[in-house]
Amino acid sequence: MHCPRSLAVMLAIAFAMGIFVLFGMIVYHSIQSLQHDWHIYELGAEQAVDNLNAWLTKLHVSLNDDLVPYLMDNLKKAIPTLVNDIWVAVANGALVLIFLVYLLGSRPQELPPGVWRKIDIHIRRYIRLKTFVCVLIAVLVGCCLSLLRVPFSGLFGLLTFVLNYIPNFGPIVATLLPLPLVVFSPDLSVTAKVLALVLPSLGHFFVGYYLEPRLFGEHLEVHPIIILLSLAFWSVLWGVSGMILSVPLIACMRIVCQNLEHPYARVAARIIEGRLFDAGLDGRNGGKPPCAGSEGPRGYYQNRTAEETPIQPVGVAPTLSEGVMANHAL
């Protein structure tokens, strides 16, 4: 059954909007529940500070008695700001979807044959593998926190799923998010608190340094520094939604630059891949690939054309035959 392009675009946008709204509602109700149980975490914070103060007393160090009220007041004041930031992120996501409607609804520009297919294959594979990784780490984190009876373990699992789409910084934020509730929860033992911090960190370390490199390999061919620059640029432009889309966008840009006829598009593709020396050779050749067999500066000069005048070493005069030929040419 073939679905018309316009209907497919509308269904995809409606599904994405539903996901955004559902995510915002879950986070909003969780924060409302957190406000309702705030007094429990105040008692937990006082207990944690008392334990810390008892340990510091042995070292002849004491804490200020106003520390706990000061910290809890600041945290409570930060909750409305957090709720507002969540709704702003949802609104920005809706704005990105509006732009996406116009981008998907417009007629694709003419590119060399096979470019759209390459982009489609790369992005589909990236989305499938990244979604698998995000679901895996979200289930692991959610199950670990749930077994340790950490409050809002389901919410932290959902946030882990979303944040792992953001390269580099997302897993760090996902690991630190449960920290205040874990530390200030009076129902958790010291062992449970330590495990609630260590186990998710080990899961993120396993996924980031072992699983993802073996799943993705050299599939994207984008240098890590370029990924960071793309992350910074799209985060300024589109916020959290731009962070999530930063890797697919820069991967598409590399594929397009590789297949454009513009002389320096190939140079841009080499820079995105992190192959700066090849980019320099391509730029020297006017955007054309280096000659076959050229490896480094030596190979480049070995493949120079016969029309190029050889460079004379310093202090060596041209021979008589060379001078006669030059005068004859003039």
C-alpha atoms as a PDB file:
ATOM      1  CA  MET A   1       0.000   0.000   0.000  1.00  0.00           C
ATOM      2  CA  HIS A   2       1.492   3.313  -1.131  1.00  0.00           C
ATOM      3  CA  CYS A   3       0.861   6.293   1.156  1.00  0.00           C
ATOM      4  CA  PRO A   4       0.816   9.764  -0.450  1.00  0.00           C
ATOM      5  CA  ARG A   5       3.683  12.012   0.579  1.00  0.00           C
ATOM      6  CA  SER A   6       1.410  14.711   2.041  1.00  0.00           C
ATOM      7  CA  LEU A   7      -0.482  12.188   4.185  1.00  0.00           C
ATOM      8  CA  ALA A   8       2.764  10.571   5.355  1.00  0.00           C
ATOM      9  CA  VAL A   9       4.153  13.970   6.376  1.00  0.00           C
ATOM     10  CA  MET A  10       1.002  14.852   8.322  1.00  0.00           C
ATOM     11  CA  LEU A  11       0.951  11.485  10.110  1.00  0.00           C
ATOM     12  CA  ALA A  12       4.629  11.800  11.056  1.00  0.00           C
ATOM     13  CA  ILE A  13       4.130  15.332  12.382  1.00  0.00           C
ATOM     14  CA  ALA A  14       1.027  14.305  14.362  1.00  0.00           C
ATOM     15  CA  PHE A  15       2.909  11.381  15.909  1.00  0.00           C
ATOM     16  CA  ALA A  16       5.850  13.608  16.859  1.00  0.00           C
ATOM     17  CA  MET A  17       3.523  16.227  18.367  1.00  0.00           C
ATOM     18  CA  GLY A  18       1.823  13.520  20.426  1.00  0.00           C
ATOM     19  CA  ILE A  19       5.186  12.341  21.754  1.00  0.00           C
ATOM     20  CA  PHE A  20       6.154  15.900  22.717  1.00  0.00           C
ATOM     21  CA  VAL A  21       2.865  16.529  24.526  1.00  0.00           C
ATOM     22  CA  LEU A  22       2.983  13.168  26.334  1.00  0.00           C
ATOM     23  CA  PHE A  23       6.551  13.769  27.468  1.00  0.00           C
ATOM     24  CA  GLY A  24       5.701  17.261  28.731  1.00  0.00           C
ATOM     25  CA  MET A  25       2.671  16.003  30.671  1.00  0.00           C
ATOM     26  CA  ILE A  26       4.660  13.201  32.344  1.00  0.00           C
ATOM     27  CA  VAL A  27       7.387  15.586  33.448  1.00  0.00           C
ATOM     28  CA  TYR A  28       4.874  18.196  34.618  1.00  0.00           C
ATOM     29  CA  HIS A  29       2.896  15.740  36.781  1.00  0.00           C
ATOM     30  CA  SER A  30       6.118  14.323  38.237  1.00  0.00           C
ATOM     31  CA  ILE A  31       7.229  17.787  39.294  1.00  0.00           C
ATOM     32  CA  GLN A  32       3.808  18.446  40.828  1.00  0.00           C
ATOM     33  CA  SER A  33       4.187  15.232  42.840  1.00  0.00           C
ATOM     34  CA  LEU A  34       7.658  16.337  43.889  1.00  0.00           C
ATOM     35  CA  GLN A  35       6.260  19.603  45.222  1.00  0.00           C
ATOM     36  CA  HIS A  36       3.590  17.689  47.166  1.00  0.00           C
ATOM     37  CA  ASP A  37       6.199  15.473  48.883  1.00  0.00           C
ATOM     38  CA  TRP A  38       8.696  18.258  49.407  1.00  0.00           C
ATOM     39  CA  HIS A  39       8.597  18.032  53.229  1.00  0.00           C
ATOM     40  CA  ILE A  40       9.838  14.430  53.044  1.00  0.00           C
ATOM     41  CA  TYR A  41      12.946  15.500  51.172  1.00  0.00           C
ATOM     42  CA  GLU A  42      13.490  18.366  53.603  1.00  0.00           C
ATOM     43  CA  LEU A  43      13.663  15.804  56.422  1.00  0.00           C
ATOM     44  CA  GLY A  44      16.018  13.711  54.325  1.00  0.00           C
ATOM     45  CA  ALA A  45      18.256  16.725  53.689  1.00  0.00           C
ATOM     46  CA  GLU A  46      18.369  17.511  57.409  1.00  0.00           C
ATOM     47  CA  GLN A  47      19.264  13.894  58.168  1.00  0.00           C
ATOM     48  CA  ALA A  48      22.000  13.890  55.521  1.00  0.00           C
ATOM     49  CA  VAL A  49      23.474  17.134  56.871  1.00  0.00           C
ATOM     50  CA  ASP A  50      23.332  15.792  60.445  1.00  0.00           C
ATOM     51  CA  ASN A  51      25.258  12.691  59.374  1.00  0.00           C
ATOM     52  CA  LEU A  52      27.792  14.839  57.549  1.00  0.00           C
ATOM     53  CA  ASN A  53      28.082  17.173  60.543  1.00  0.00           C
ATOM     54  CA  ALA A  54      28.665  14.219  62.881  1.00  0.00           C
ATOM     55  CA  TRP A  55      31.481  13.009  60.642  1.00  0.00           C
ATOM     56  CA  LEU A  56      33.014  16.482  60.353  1.00  0.00           C
ATOM     57  CA  THR A  57      32.866  16.962  64.127  1.00  0.00           C
ATOM     58  CA  LYS A  58      35.449  14.216  64.455  1.00  0.00           C
ATOM     59  CA  LEU A  59      37.699  16.386  62.291  1.00  0.00           C
ATOM     60  CA  HIS A  60      36.881  19.441  64.455  1.00  0.00           C
ATOM     61  CA  VAL A  61      34.897  21.057  61.646  1.00  0.00           C
ATOM     62  CA  SER A  62      31.262  22.192  61.927  1.00  0.00           C
ATOM     63  CA  LEU A  63      28.581  23.260  59.448  1.00  0.00           C
ATOM     64  CA  ASN A  64      26.337  26.284  59.645  1.00  0.00           C
ATOM     65  CA  ASP A  65      22.875  25.468  61.044  1.00  0.00           C
ATOM     66  CA  ASP A  66      21.238  27.610  58.362  1.00  0.00           C
ATOM     67  CA  LEU A  67      22.727  25.538  55.544  1.00  0.00           C
ATOM     68  CA  VAL A  68      19.799  23.136  55.095  1.00  0.00           C
ATOM     69  CA  PRO A  69      17.041  25.797  55.072  1.00  0.00           C
ATOM     70  CA  TYR A  70      19.085  27.858  52.631  1.00  0.00           C
ATOM     71  CA  LEU A  71      19.635  24.945  50.237  1.00  0.00           C
ATOM     72  CA  MET A  72      16.042  23.717  50.383  1.00  0.00           C
ATOM     73  CA  ASP A  73      14.617  27.197  49.828  1.00  0.00           C
ATOM     74  CA  ASN A  74      16.776  27.659  46.744  1.00  0.00           C
ATOM     75  CA  LEU A  75      15.818  24.233  45.403  1.00  0.00           C
ATOM     76  CA  LYS A  76      12.132  24.915  45.977  1.00  0.00           C
ATOM     77  CA  LYS A  77      12.395  28.242  44.185  1.00  0.00           C
ATOM     78  CA  ALA A  78      14.090  26.490  41.262  1.00  0.00           C
ATOM     79  CA  ILE A  79      11.145  24.133  40.655  1.00  0.00           C
ATOM     80  CA  PRO A  80       8.876  26.730  38.951  1.00  0.00           C
ATOM     81  CA  THR A  81      11.823  27.740  36.788  1.00  0.00           C
ATOM     82  CA  LEU A  82      12.352  24.092  35.866  1.00  0.00           C
ATOM     83  CA  VAL A  83       8.687  23.690  34.936  1.00  0.00           C
ATOM     84  CA  ASN A  84       8.873  26.810  32.784  1.00  0.00           C
ATOM     85  CA  ASP A  85      12.041  25.552  31.080  1.00  0.00           C
ATOM     86  CA  ILE A  86      10.324  22.254  30.290  1.00  0.00           C
ATOM     87  CA  TRP A  87       7.385  23.992  28.649  1.00  0.00           C
ATOM     88  CA  VAL A  88       9.791  26.244  26.731  1.00  0.00           C
ATOM     89  CA  ALA A  89      11.598  23.137  25.466  1.00  0.00           C
ATOM     90  CA  VAL A  90       8.271  21.617  24.398  1.00  0.00           C
ATOM     91  CA  ALA A  91       7.330  24.882  22.651  1.00  0.00           C
ATOM     92  CA  ASN A  92      10.690  24.955  20.857  1.00  0.00           C
ATOM     93  CA  GLY A  93      10.130  21.372  19.782  1.00  0.00           C
ATOM     94  CA  ALA A  94       6.745  22.337  18.361  1.00  0.00           C
ATOM     95  CA  LEU A  95       8.405  25.232  16.512  1.00  0.00           C
ATOM     96  CA  VAL A  96      10.968  22.855  15.044  1.00  0.00           C
ATOM     97  CA  LEU A  97       8.129  20.610  13.894  1.00  0.00           C
ATOM     98  CA  ILE A  98       6.494  23.572  12.146  1.00  0.00           C
ATOM     99  CA  PHE A  99       9.729  24.220  10.241  1.00  0.00           C
ATOM    100  CA  LEU A 100       9.897  20.508   9.521  1.00  0.00           C
ATOM    101  CA  VAL A 101       6.433  20.603   7.959  1.00  0.00           C
ATOM    102  CA  TYR A 102       7.599  23.177   5.403  1.00  0.00           C
ATOM    103  CA  LEU A 103      10.879  21.347   4.778  1.00  0.00           C
ATOM    104  CA  LEU A 104       9.198  17.996   4.207  1.00  0.00           C
ATOM    105  CA  GLY A 105       6.381  19.514   2.200  1.00  0.00           C
ATOM    106  CA  SER A 106       8.683  21.306  -0.209  1.00  0.00           C
ATOM    107  CA  ARG A 107       9.900  19.636  -3.382  1.00  0.00           C
ATOM    108  CA  PRO A 108      13.369  18.093  -2.992  1.00  0.00           C
ATOM    109  CA  GLN A 109      16.159  19.908  -4.827  1.00  0.00           C
ATOM    110  CA  GLU A 110      17.930  18.181  -7.677  1.00  0.00           C
ATOM    111  CA  LEU A 111      21.079  16.452  -6.472  1.00  0.00           C
ATOM    112  CA  PRO A 112      23.336  13.933  -8.208  1.00  0.00           C
ATOM    113  CA  PRO A 113      21.809  10.445  -8.561  1.00  0.00           C
ATOM    114  CA  GLY A 114      22.100   8.322  -5.455  1.00  0.00           C
ATOM    115  CA  VAL A 115      22.638  11.179  -2.975  1.00  0.00           C
ATOM    116  CA  TRP A 116      19.157  10.996  -1.477  1.00  0.00           C
ATOM    117  CA  ARG A 117      19.505   7.237  -1.245  1.00  0.00           C
ATOM    118  CA  LYS A 118      22.818   7.561   0.611  1.00  0.00           C
ATOM    119  CA  ILE A 119      21.312  10.094   3.004  1.00  0.00           C
ATOM    120  CA  ASP A 120      18.278   7.885   3.549  1.00  0.00           C
ATOM    121  CA  ILE A 121      20.394   4.803   4.254  1.00  0.00           C
ATOM    122  CA  HIS A 122      22.757   6.611   6.651  1.00  0.00           C
ATOM    123  CA  ILE A 123      20.038   8.431   8.594  1.00  0.00           C
ATOM    124  CA  ARG A 124      17.784   5.382   8.848  1.00  0.00           C
ATOM    125  CA  ARG A 125      20.648   3.290  10.170  1.00  0.00           C
ATOM    126  CA  TYR A 126      21.686   6.007  12.621  1.00  0.00           C
ATOM    127  CA  ILE A 127      18.139   6.447  13.950  1.00  0.00           C
ATOM    128  CA  ARG A 128      17.612   2.692  14.329  1.00  0.00           C
ATOM    129  CA  LEU A 129      20.891   2.100  16.140  1.00  0.00           C
ATOM    130  CA  LYS A 130      20.646   5.225  18.281  1.00  0.00           C
ATOM    131  CA  THR A 131      17.066   4.429  19.291  1.00  0.00           C
ATOM    132  CA  PHE A 132      18.107   0.885  20.203  1.00  0.00           C
ATOM    133  CA  VAL A 133      20.955   2.231  22.345  1.00  0.00           C
ATOM    134  CA  CYS A 134      18.716   4.842  24.017  1.00  0.00           C
ATOM    135  CA  VAL A 135      16.020   2.270  24.797  1.00  0.00           C
ATOM    136  CA  LEU A 136      18.633  -0.130  26.181  1.00  0.00           C
ATOM    137  CA  ILE A 137      20.269   2.381  28.524  1.00  0.00           C
ATOM    138  CA  ALA A 138      16.883   3.834  29.554  1.00  0.00           C
ATOM    139  CA  VAL A 139      15.579   0.376  30.521  1.00  0.00           C
ATOM    140  CA  LEU A 140      18.803  -0.413  32.399  1.00  0.00           C
ATOM    141  CA  VAL A 141      18.757   2.870  34.331  1.00  0.00           C
ATOM    142  CA  GLY A 142      15.020   2.703  35.024  1.00  0.00           C
ATOM    143  CA  CYS A 143      15.224  -0.901  36.273  1.00  0.00           C
ATOM    144  CA  CYS A 144      18.261  -0.187  38.470  1.00  0.00           C
ATOM    145  CA  LEU A 145      16.629   2.844  40.081  1.00  0.00           C
ATOM    146  CA  SER A 146      13.331   1.002  40.485  1.00  0.00           C
ATOM    147  CA  LEU A 147      14.990  -1.993  42.191  1.00  0.00           C
ATOM    148  CA  LEU A 148      16.773   0.408  44.539  1.00  0.00           C
ATOM    149  CA  ARG A 149      13.399   2.122  45.204  1.00  0.00           C
ATOM    150  CA  VAL A 150      14.553   5.536  44.038  1.00  0.00           C
ATOM    151  CA  PRO A 151      11.590   7.943  43.685  1.00  0.00           C
ATOM    152  CA  PHE A 152      10.490   8.796  40.117  1.00  0.00           C
ATOM    153  CA  SER A 153      12.607   6.006  38.613  1.00  0.00           C
ATOM    154  CA  GLY A 154      10.286   5.836  35.581  1.00  0.00           C
ATOM    155  CA  LEU A 155      10.712   9.562  34.939  1.00  0.00           C
ATOM    156  CA  PHE A 156      14.495   9.288  35.147  1.00  0.00           C
ATOM    157  CA  GLY A 157      14.398   6.371  32.714  1.00  0.00           C
ATOM    158  CA  LEU A 158      12.362   8.469  30.266  1.00  0.00           C
ATOM    159  CA  LEU A 159      14.743  11.421  30.620  1.00  0.00           C
ATOM    160  CA  THR A 160      17.679   9.060  30.066  1.00  0.00           C
ATOM    161  CA  PHE A 161      16.080   7.886  26.820  1.00  0.00           C
ATOM    162  CA  VAL A 162      15.681  11.456  25.528  1.00  0.00           C
ATOM    163  CA  LEU A 163      19.007  12.832  26.754  1.00  0.00           C
ATOM    164  CA  ASN A 164      21.046  10.009  25.213  1.00  0.00           C
ATOM    165  CA  TYR A 165      20.146  11.337  21.773  1.00  0.00           C
ATOM    166  CA  ILE A 166      22.305  14.362  22.653  1.00  0.00           C
ATOM    167  CA  PRO A 167      25.948  13.429  21.985  1.00  0.00           C
ATOM    168  CA  ASN A 168      28.580  13.763  24.716  1.00  0.00           C
ATOM    169  CA  PHE A 169      26.651  15.967  27.163  1.00  0.00           C
ATOM    170  CA  GLY A 170      23.353  14.082  27.303  1.00  0.00           C
ATOM    171  CA  PRO A 171      24.595  11.010  29.234  1.00  0.00           C
ATOM    172  CA  ILE A 172      26.361  13.258  31.770  1.00  0.00           C
ATOM    173  CA  VAL A 173      23.171  15.217  32.471  1.00  0.00           C
ATOM    174  CA  ALA A 174      21.132  11.996  32.648  1.00  0.00           C
ATOM    175  CA  THR A 175      23.543  10.593  35.247  1.00  0.00           C
ATOM    176  CA  LEU A 176      23.458  13.714  37.446  1.00  0.00           C
ATOM    177  CA  LEU A 177      19.691  14.320  37.323  1.00  0.00           C
ATOM    178  CA  PRO A 178      18.692  11.822  40.070  1.00  0.00           C
ATOM    179  CA  LEU A 179      21.487  13.021  42.372  1.00  0.00           C
ATOM    180  CA  PRO A 180      19.445  15.408  44.626  1.00  0.00           C
ATOM    181  CA  LEU A 181      16.584  12.951  45.148  1.00  0.00           C
ATOM    182  CA  VAL A 182      18.974  10.068  45.779  1.00  0.00           C
ATOM    183  CA  VAL A 183      20.996  12.012  48.342  1.00  0.00           C
ATOM    184  CA  PHE A 184      18.012  13.572  50.156  1.00  0.00           C
ATOM    185  CA  SER A 185      15.682  10.558  50.116  1.00  0.00           C
ATOM    186  CA  PRO A 186      15.334   9.368  53.762  1.00  0.00           C
ATOM    187  CA  ASP A 187      14.106   5.903  52.777  1.00  0.00           C
ATOM    188  CA  LEU A 188      17.328   4.930  50.981  1.00  0.00           C
ATOM    189  CA  SER A 189      20.271   3.358  52.745  1.00  0.00           C
ATOM    190  CA  VAL A 190      23.828   4.484  52.137  1.00  0.00           C
ATOM    191  CA  THR A 191      24.475   1.389  50.009  1.00  0.00           C
ATOM    192  CA  ALA A 192      21.397   2.072  47.887  1.00  0.00           C
ATOM    193  CA  LYS A 193      22.454   5.692  47.378  1.00  0.00           C
ATOM    194  CA  VAL A 194      25.933   4.660  46.255  1.00  0.00           C
ATOM    195  CA  LEU A 195      24.558   2.013  43.897  1.00  0.00           C
ATOM    196  CA  ALA A 196      22.007   4.487  42.486  1.00  0.00           C
ATOM    197  CA  LEU A 197      24.913   6.673  41.402  1.00  0.00           C
ATOM    198  CA  VAL A 198      27.440   4.003  40.394  1.00  0.00           C
ATOM    199  CA  LEU A 199      25.248   1.620  38.365  1.00  0.00           C
ATOM    200  CA  PRO A 200      23.842   4.241  35.925  1.00  0.00           C
ATOM    201  CA  SER A 201      27.352   5.656  35.500  1.00  0.00           C
ATOM    202  CA  LEU A 202      28.685   2.204  34.597  1.00  0.00           C
ATOM    203  CA  GLY A 203      25.803   1.718  32.159  1.00  0.00           C
ATOM    204  CA  HIS A 204      26.525   5.003  30.390  1.00  0.00           C
ATOM    205  CA  PHE A 205      30.241   4.182  30.321  1.00  0.00           C
ATOM    206  CA  PHE A 206      29.553   0.762  28.763  1.00  0.00           C
ATOM    207  CA  VAL A 207      27.222   2.208  26.126  1.00  0.00           C
ATOM    208  CA  GLY A 208      29.363   5.241  25.277  1.00  0.00           C
ATOM    209  CA  TYR A 209      32.800   3.622  25.154  1.00  0.00           C
ATOM    210  CA  TYR A 210      32.068   0.032  24.143  1.00  0.00           C
ATOM    211  CA  LEU A 211      28.651  -0.533  22.562  1.00  0.00           C
ATOM    212  CA  GLU A 212      28.210   2.585  20.399  1.00  0.00           C
ATOM    213  CA  PRO A 213      31.692   2.455  18.794  1.00  0.00           C
ATOM    214  CA  ARG A 214      31.041  -1.153  17.754  1.00  0.00           C
ATOM    215  CA  LEU A 215      27.546  -0.471  16.468  1.00  0.00           C
ATOM    216  CA  PHE A 216      28.319   2.724  14.574  1.00  0.00           C
ATOM    217  CA  GLY A 217      31.972   2.092  13.713  1.00  0.00           C
ATOM    218  CA  GLU A 218      32.993   4.465  10.915  1.00  0.00           C
ATOM    219  CA  HIS A 219      29.409   4.731   9.674  1.00  0.00           C
ATOM    220  CA  LEU A 220      28.953   8.484  10.120  1.00  0.00           C
ATOM    221  CA  GLU A 221      32.570   9.481   9.323  1.00  0.00           C
ATOM    222  CA  VAL A 222      32.228  12.733  11.269  1.00  0.00           C
ATOM    223  CA  HIS A 223      35.096  13.935  13.447  1.00  0.00           C
ATOM    224  CA  PRO A 224      34.264  14.339  17.186  1.00  0.00           C
ATOM    225  CA  ILE A 225      35.329  17.995  17.162  1.00  0.00           C
ATOM    226  CA  ILE A 226      32.955  18.684  14.266  1.00  0.00           C
ATOM    227  CA  ILE A 227      30.183  16.938  16.241  1.00  0.00           C
ATOM    228  CA  LEU A 228      30.825  19.272  19.184  1.00  0.00           C
ATOM    229  CA  LEU A 229      30.765  22.327  16.918  1.00  0.00           C
ATOM    230  CA  SER A 230      27.557  21.108  15.286  1.00  0.00           C
ATOM    231  CA  LEU A 231      26.067  20.475  18.732  1.00  0.00           C
ATOM    232  CA  ALA A 232      26.909  24.017  19.853  1.00  0.00           C
ATOM    233  CA  PHE A 233      25.552  25.619  16.667  1.00  0.00           C
ATOM    234  CA  TRP A 234      22.239  23.755  16.539  1.00  0.00           C
ATOM    235  CA  SER A 235      21.691  24.111  20.290  1.00  0.00           C
ATOM    236  CA  VAL A 236      21.912  27.890  19.926  1.00  0.00           C
ATOM    237  CA  LEU A 237      19.572  27.796  16.943  1.00  0.00           C
ATOM    238  CA  TRP A 238      16.948  25.245  18.072  1.00  0.00           C
ATOM    239  CA  GLY A 239      17.702  24.427  21.723  1.00  0.00           C
ATOM    240  CA  VAL A 240      17.293  20.822  22.863  1.00  0.00           C
ATOM    241  CA  SER A 241      15.709  19.829  19.551  1.00  0.00           C
ATOM    242  CA  GLY A 242      18.782  21.151  17.728  1.00  0.00           C
ATOM    243  CA  MET A 243      21.049  19.103  20.004  1.00  0.00           C
ATOM    244  CA  ILE A 244      19.155  15.933  19.127  1.00  0.00           C
ATOM    245  CA  LEU A 245      19.272  16.699  15.388  1.00  0.00           C
ATOM    246  CA  SER A 246      22.902  17.903  15.322  1.00  0.00           C
ATOM    247  CA  VAL A 247      24.502  14.569  14.364  1.00  0.00           C
ATOM    248  CA  PRO A 248      22.059  13.617  11.551  1.00  0.00           C
ATOM    249  CA  LEU A 249      22.275  17.128  10.097  1.00  0.00           C
ATOM    250  CA  ILE A 250      26.067  17.208   9.961  1.00  0.00           C
ATOM    251  CA  ALA A 251      26.112  13.667   8.505  1.00  0.00           C
ATOM    252  CA  CYS A 252      23.721  14.778   5.741  1.00  0.00           C
ATOM    253  CA  MET A 253      25.900  17.817   5.091  1.00  0.00           C
ATOM    254  CA  ARG A 254      28.949  15.573   4.615  1.00  0.00           C
ATOM    255  CA  ILE A 255      27.150  13.353   2.091  1.00  0.00           C
ATOM    256  CA  VAL A 256      25.839  16.337   0.124  1.00  0.00           C
ATOM    257  CA  CYS A 257      29.276  18.003   0.036  1.00  0.00           C
ATOM    258  CA  GLN A 258      30.839  14.780  -1.234  1.00  0.00           C
ATOM    259  CA  ASN A 259      28.469  14.641  -4.209  1.00  0.00           C
ATOM    260  CA  LEU A 260      28.190  18.305  -5.247  1.00  0.00           C
ATOM    261  CA  GLU A 261      29.957  19.631  -8.345  1.00  0.00           C
ATOM    262  CA  HIS A 262      31.213  22.744  -6.554  1.00  0.00           C
ATOM    263  CA  PRO A 263      35.044  22.735  -6.495  1.00  0.00           C
ATOM    264  CA  TYR A 264      35.364  23.231  -2.739  1.00  0.00           C
ATOM    265  CA  ALA A 265      32.451  21.075  -1.572  1.00  0.00           C
ATOM    266  CA  ARG A 266      34.865  18.128  -1.404  1.00  0.00           C
ATOM    267  CA  VAL A 267      37.151  20.212   0.808  1.00  0.00           C
ATOM    268  CA  ALA A 268      34.252  20.841   3.211  1.00  0.00           C
ATOM    269  CA  ALA A 269      33.488  17.104   3.274  1.00  0.00           C
ATOM    270  CA  ARG A 270      37.111  16.303   4.159  1.00  0.00           C
ATOM    271  CA  ILE A 271      37.052  18.882   6.971  1.00  0.00           C
ATOM    272  CA  ILE A 272      33.856  17.356   8.396  1.00  0.00           C
ATOM    273  CA  GLU A 273      35.541  13.937   8.327  1.00  0.00           C
ATOM    274  CA  GLY A 274      38.573  15.383  10.139  1.00  0.00           C
ATOM    275  CA  ARG A 275      40.925  14.673   7.215  1.00  0.00           C
ATOM    276  CA  LEU A 276      42.537  18.103   7.181  1.00  0.00           C
ATOM    277  CA  PHE A 277      45.559  17.112   5.101  1.00  0.00           C
ATOM    278  CA  ASP A 278      43.342  15.651   2.374  1.00  0.00           C
ATOM    279  CA  ALA A 279      41.278  18.831   2.534  1.00  0.00           C
ATOM    280  CA  GLY A 280      44.459  20.839   1.912  1.00  0.00           C
ATOM    281  CA  LEU A 281      45.365  18.706  -1.100  1.00  0.00           C
ATOM    282  CA  ASP A 282      41.828  18.966  -2.485  1.00  0.00           C
ATOM    283  CA  GLY A 283      41.928  22.731  -2.070  1.00  0.00           C
ATOM    284  CA  ARG A 284      45.280  22.899  -3.852  1.00  0.00           C
ATOM    285  CA  ASN A 285      43.852  20.830  -6.701  1.00  0.00           C
ATOM    286  CA  GLY A 286      40.815  23.083  -7.066  1.00  0.00           C
ATOM    287  CA  GLY A 287      38.456  20.712  -5.277  1.00  0.00           C
ATOM    288  CA  LYS A 288      39.546  17.649  -7.258  1.00  0.00           C
ATOM    289  CA  PRO A 289      40.741  14.522  -5.467  1.00  0.00           C
ATOM    290  CA  PRO A 290      44.521  14.007  -5.244  1.00  0.00           C
ATOM    291  CA  CYS A 291      46.245  11.986  -7.941  1.00  0.00           C
ATOM    292  CA  ALA A 292      46.225   8.226  -7.552  1.00  0.00           C
ATOM    293  CA  GLY A 293      49.082   6.959  -5.433  1.00  0.00           C
ATOM    294  CA  SER A 294      49.820  10.293  -3.777  1.00  0.00           C
ATOM    295  CA  GLU A 295      50.447   9.894  -0.085  1.00  0.00           C
ATOM    296  CA  GLY A 296      51.448  13.007   1.737  1.00  0.00           C
ATOM    297  CA  PRO A 297      53.541  15.882   0.389  1.00  0.00           C
ATOM    298  CA  ARG A 298      56.050  13.578  -1.262  1.00  0.00           C
ATOM    299  CA  GLY A 299      53.389  11.755  -3.277  1.00  0.00           C
ATOM    300  CA  TYR A 300      51.773  15.017  -4.246  1.00  0.00           C
ATOM    301  CA  TYR A 301      54.929  16.467  -5.762  1.00  0.00           C
ATOM    302  CA  GLN A 302      55.762  13.172  -7.449  1.00  0.00           C
ATOM    303  CA  ASN A 303      52.474  13.359  -9.371  1.00  0.00           C
ATOM    304  CA  ARG A 304      52.891  16.914 -10.638  1.00  0.00           C
ATOM    305  CA  THR A 305      52.296  17.402 -14.340  1.00  0.00           C
ATOM    306  CA  ALA A 306      55.108  17.802 -16.859  1.00  0.00           C
ATOM    307  CA  GLU A 307      54.063  21.377 -17.689  1.00  0.00           C
ATOM    308  CA  GLU A 308      54.976  22.585 -14.195  1.00  0.00           C
ATOM    309  CA  THR A 309      58.449  24.150 -13.967  1.00  0.00           C
ATOM    310  CA  PRO A 310      60.643  22.284 -11.476  1.00  0.00           C
ATOM    311  CA  ILE A 311      61.852  24.339  -8.546  1.00  0.00           C
ATOM    312  CA  GLN A 312      65.614  24.890  -8.580  1.00  0.00           C
ATOM    313  CA  PRO A 313      67.453  24.360  -5.309  1.00  0.00           C
ATOM    314  CA  VAL A 314      68.822  27.466  -3.630  1.00  0.00           C
ATOM    315  CA  GLY A 315      72.235  28.484  -4.951  1.00  0.00           C
ATOM    316  CA  VAL A 316      72.103  26.303  -8.098  1.00  0.00           C
ATOM    317  CA  ALA A 317      72.117  28.160 -11.398  1.00  0.00           C
ATOM    318  CA  PRO A 318      70.242  26.816 -14.432  1.00  0.00           C
ATOM    319  CA  THR A 319      72.269  24.954 -17.020  1.00  0.00           C
ATOM    320  CA  LEU A 320      73.283  26.470 -20.380  1.00  0.00           C
ATOM    321  CA  SER A 321      70.769  24.379 -22.331  1.00  0.00           C
ATOM    322  CA  GLU A 322      67.987  25.456 -19.998  1.00  0.00           C
ATOM    323  CA  GLY A 323      68.951  29.120 -20.465  1.00  0.00           C
ATOM    324  CA  VAL A 324      69.053  28.808 -24.251  1.00  0.00           C
ATOM    325  CA  MET A 325      65.657  27.112 -24.300  1.00  0.00           C
ATOM    326  CA  ALA A 326      64.192  29.817 -22.072  1.00  0.00           C
ATOM    327  CA  ASN A 327      65.542  32.619 -24.342  1.00  0.00           C
ATOM    328  CA  HIS A 328      64.265  30.793 -27.408  1.00  0.00           C
ATOM    329  CA  ALA A 329      60.831  30.559 -25.838  1.00  0.00           C
ATOM    330  CA  LEU A 330      60.871  34.329 -25.223  1.00  0.00           C
END
